[in-house]
């Protein structure tokens, strides 16, 4: 399998594409915030992207694929965390909301029964 890098860094929206040359399958597209981070932190140097040395190209491909995989995994973990966090917030709201009890439709409720069922009001006897 021959893996190639297309680096379009001079465009208005720069990107790096890694693809399988024999099948033309795209393995990774690195652009936007991820690409900016890679280039500004020095994880990849632009001169390495244009190298003709096969060992340098192989190392750059491996580094880019590892960086891309790390980024994608972080995105998935953050999405899963936010989903769980949102679900927990919904569950808390549901627990804080008083649950209405089903009423017995076969007989009409008295006012006292309705207050006890729906408003959770309890009556205590007053002693004189």
Protein backbone atom coordinates (compact mmCIF):
# COMPACT_ATOMS: atom_id res chain seq x y z
CA UNK A 1 0.00 0.00 0.00
CA UNK A 2 1.41 3.36 -1.04
CA UNK A 3 0.26 6.29 1.03
CA UNK A 4 0.55 9.82 -0.33
CA UNK A 5 0.24 13.30 1.15
CA UNK A 6 -1.35 16.23 -0.62
CA UNK A 7 -0.54 19.42 1.26
CA UNK A 8 -2.39 22.53 0.10
CA UNK A 9 -1.12 25.13 2.52
CA UNK A 10 -1.24 28.21 0.29
CA UNK A 11 -5.03 28.08 -0.19
CA UNK A 12 -7.52 30.28 1.65
CA UNK A 13 -8.58 27.16 3.56
CA UNK A 14 -5.40 25.09 3.82
CA UNK A 15 -5.58 21.34 4.28
CA UNK A 16 -3.54 18.17 4.20
CA UNK A 17 -5.02 15.03 2.68
CA UNK A 18 -3.57 11.58 3.28
CA UNK A 19 -4.74 8.91 0.85
CA UNK A 20 -4.00 5.44 -0.47
CA UNK A 21 -2.53 5.90 -3.93
CA UNK A 22 -3.58 2.50 -5.28
CA UNK A 23 -7.24 2.73 -4.26
CA UNK A 24 -7.59 6.53 -3.97
CA UNK A 25 -9.24 6.05 -0.56
CA UNK A 26 -8.89 9.08 1.70
CA UNK A 27 -7.43 8.13 5.07
CA UNK A 28 -7.44 11.56 6.70
CA UNK A 29 -8.17 15.19 5.96
CA UNK A 30 -6.45 17.61 8.30
CA UNK A 31 -7.68 21.19 8.17
CA UNK A 32 -8.88 24.09 10.25
CA UNK A 33 -8.03 24.27 13.92
CA UNK A 34 -6.18 20.95 13.91
CA UNK A 35 -3.91 21.99 11.05
CA UNK A 36 -3.21 25.36 12.68
CA UNK A 37 -2.30 23.61 15.94
CA UNK A 38 -0.01 21.11 14.21
CA UNK A 39 1.91 23.81 12.34
CA UNK A 40 2.15 26.35 15.18
CA UNK A 41 3.26 23.81 17.81
CA UNK A 42 5.88 22.34 15.48
CA UNK A 43 4.51 18.79 15.56
CA UNK A 44 5.02 18.80 11.78
CA UNK A 45 7.27 21.14 9.82
CA UNK A 46 6.18 22.34 6.40
CA UNK A 47 9.58 21.46 4.91
CA UNK A 48 8.96 17.83 5.91
CA UNK A 49 5.70 17.78 3.92
CA UNK A 50 7.62 18.56 0.73
CA UNK A 51 10.54 16.20 1.35
CA UNK A 52 11.52 13.65 -1.29
CA UNK A 53 13.30 11.40 1.22
CA UNK A 54 11.14 8.24 1.62
CA UNK A 55 12.06 7.84 5.31
CA UNK A 56 11.04 11.41 6.11
CA UNK A 57 7.78 11.02 4.19
CA UNK A 58 7.04 7.75 6.00
CA UNK A 59 7.66 9.39 9.37
CA UNK A 60 5.50 12.40 8.47
CA UNK A 61 2.66 10.11 7.34
CA UNK A 62 2.81 8.13 10.58
CA UNK A 63 2.93 11.31 12.66
CA UNK A 64 0.01 12.87 10.79
CA UNK A 65 -2.10 9.72 11.10
CA UNK A 66 -1.36 9.52 14.83
CA UNK A 67 -2.21 13.20 15.32
CA UNK A 68 -5.40 12.83 13.28
CA UNK A 69 -6.43 9.72 15.24
CA UNK A 70 -5.73 11.46 18.55
CA UNK A 71 -7.84 14.43 17.46
CA UNK A 72 -10.74 12.23 16.31
CA UNK A 73 -10.69 10.19 19.54
CA UNK A 74 -10.68 13.38 21.63
CA UNK A 75 -13.68 14.63 19.64
CA UNK A 76 -15.56 11.37 20.20
CA UNK A 77 -14.73 11.35 23.91
CA UNK A 78 -15.88 14.97 24.28
CA UNK A 79 -19.08 14.26 22.37
CA UNK A 80 -19.80 11.21 24.54
CA UNK A 81 -19.05 13.19 27.72
CA UNK A 82 -21.33 16.04 26.65
CA UNK A 83 -24.07 13.58 25.76
CA UNK A 84 -23.85 11.90 29.17
CA UNK A 85 -23.69 15.28 30.90
CA UNK A 86 -26.81 16.45 29.06
CA UNK A 87 -28.64 13.21 29.87
CA UNK A 88 -27.74 13.58 33.56
CA UNK A 89 -29.05 17.15 33.56
CA UNK A 90 -32.30 15.96 32.00
CA UNK A 91 -32.59 13.15 34.56
CA UNK A 92 -32.01 15.59 37.42
CA UNK A 93 -34.70 17.91 36.10
CA UNK A 94 -37.08 14.99 35.81
CA UNK A 95 -36.31 13.92 39.38
CA UNK A 96 -36.86 17.48 40.64
CA UNK A 97 -40.23 17.73 38.86
CA UNK A 98 -43.06 16.36 40.99
CA UNK A 99 -44.58 13.33 39.35
CA UNK A 100 -48.34 13.33 38.98
CA UNK A 101 -49.97 10.20 40.17
CA UNK A 102 -52.59 8.62 37.97
CA UNK A 103 -56.06 9.37 39.18
CA UNK A 104 -58.74 6.78 39.69
CA UNK A 105 -61.23 7.68 36.99
CA UNK A 106 -63.86 5.25 38.18
CA UNK A 107 -64.88 7.48 41.10
CA UNK A 108 -64.66 11.25 41.41
CA UNK A 109 -62.03 12.60 43.77
CA UNK A 110 -62.79 14.79 46.68
CA UNK A 111 -60.89 18.06 47.01
CA UNK A 112 -58.82 16.58 49.82
CA UNK A 113 -57.83 13.56 47.67
CA UNK A 114 -56.95 15.82 44.77
CA UNK A 115 -54.74 18.01 46.98
CA UNK A 116 -52.97 14.95 48.37
CA UNK A 117 -52.47 13.35 44.92
CA UNK A 118 -51.41 16.31 42.83
CA UNK A 119 -49.98 18.88 45.20
CA UNK A 120 -48.47 16.50 47.74
CA UNK A 121 -50.23 18.30 50.57
CA UNK A 122 -50.71 16.31 53.73
CA UNK A 123 -53.34 16.99 56.33
CA UNK A 124 -52.62 16.72 60.01
CA UNK A 125 -55.44 16.65 62.50
CA UNK A 126 -55.72 19.64 64.81
CA UNK A 127 -56.38 18.78 68.47
CA UNK A 128 -58.34 21.15 70.67
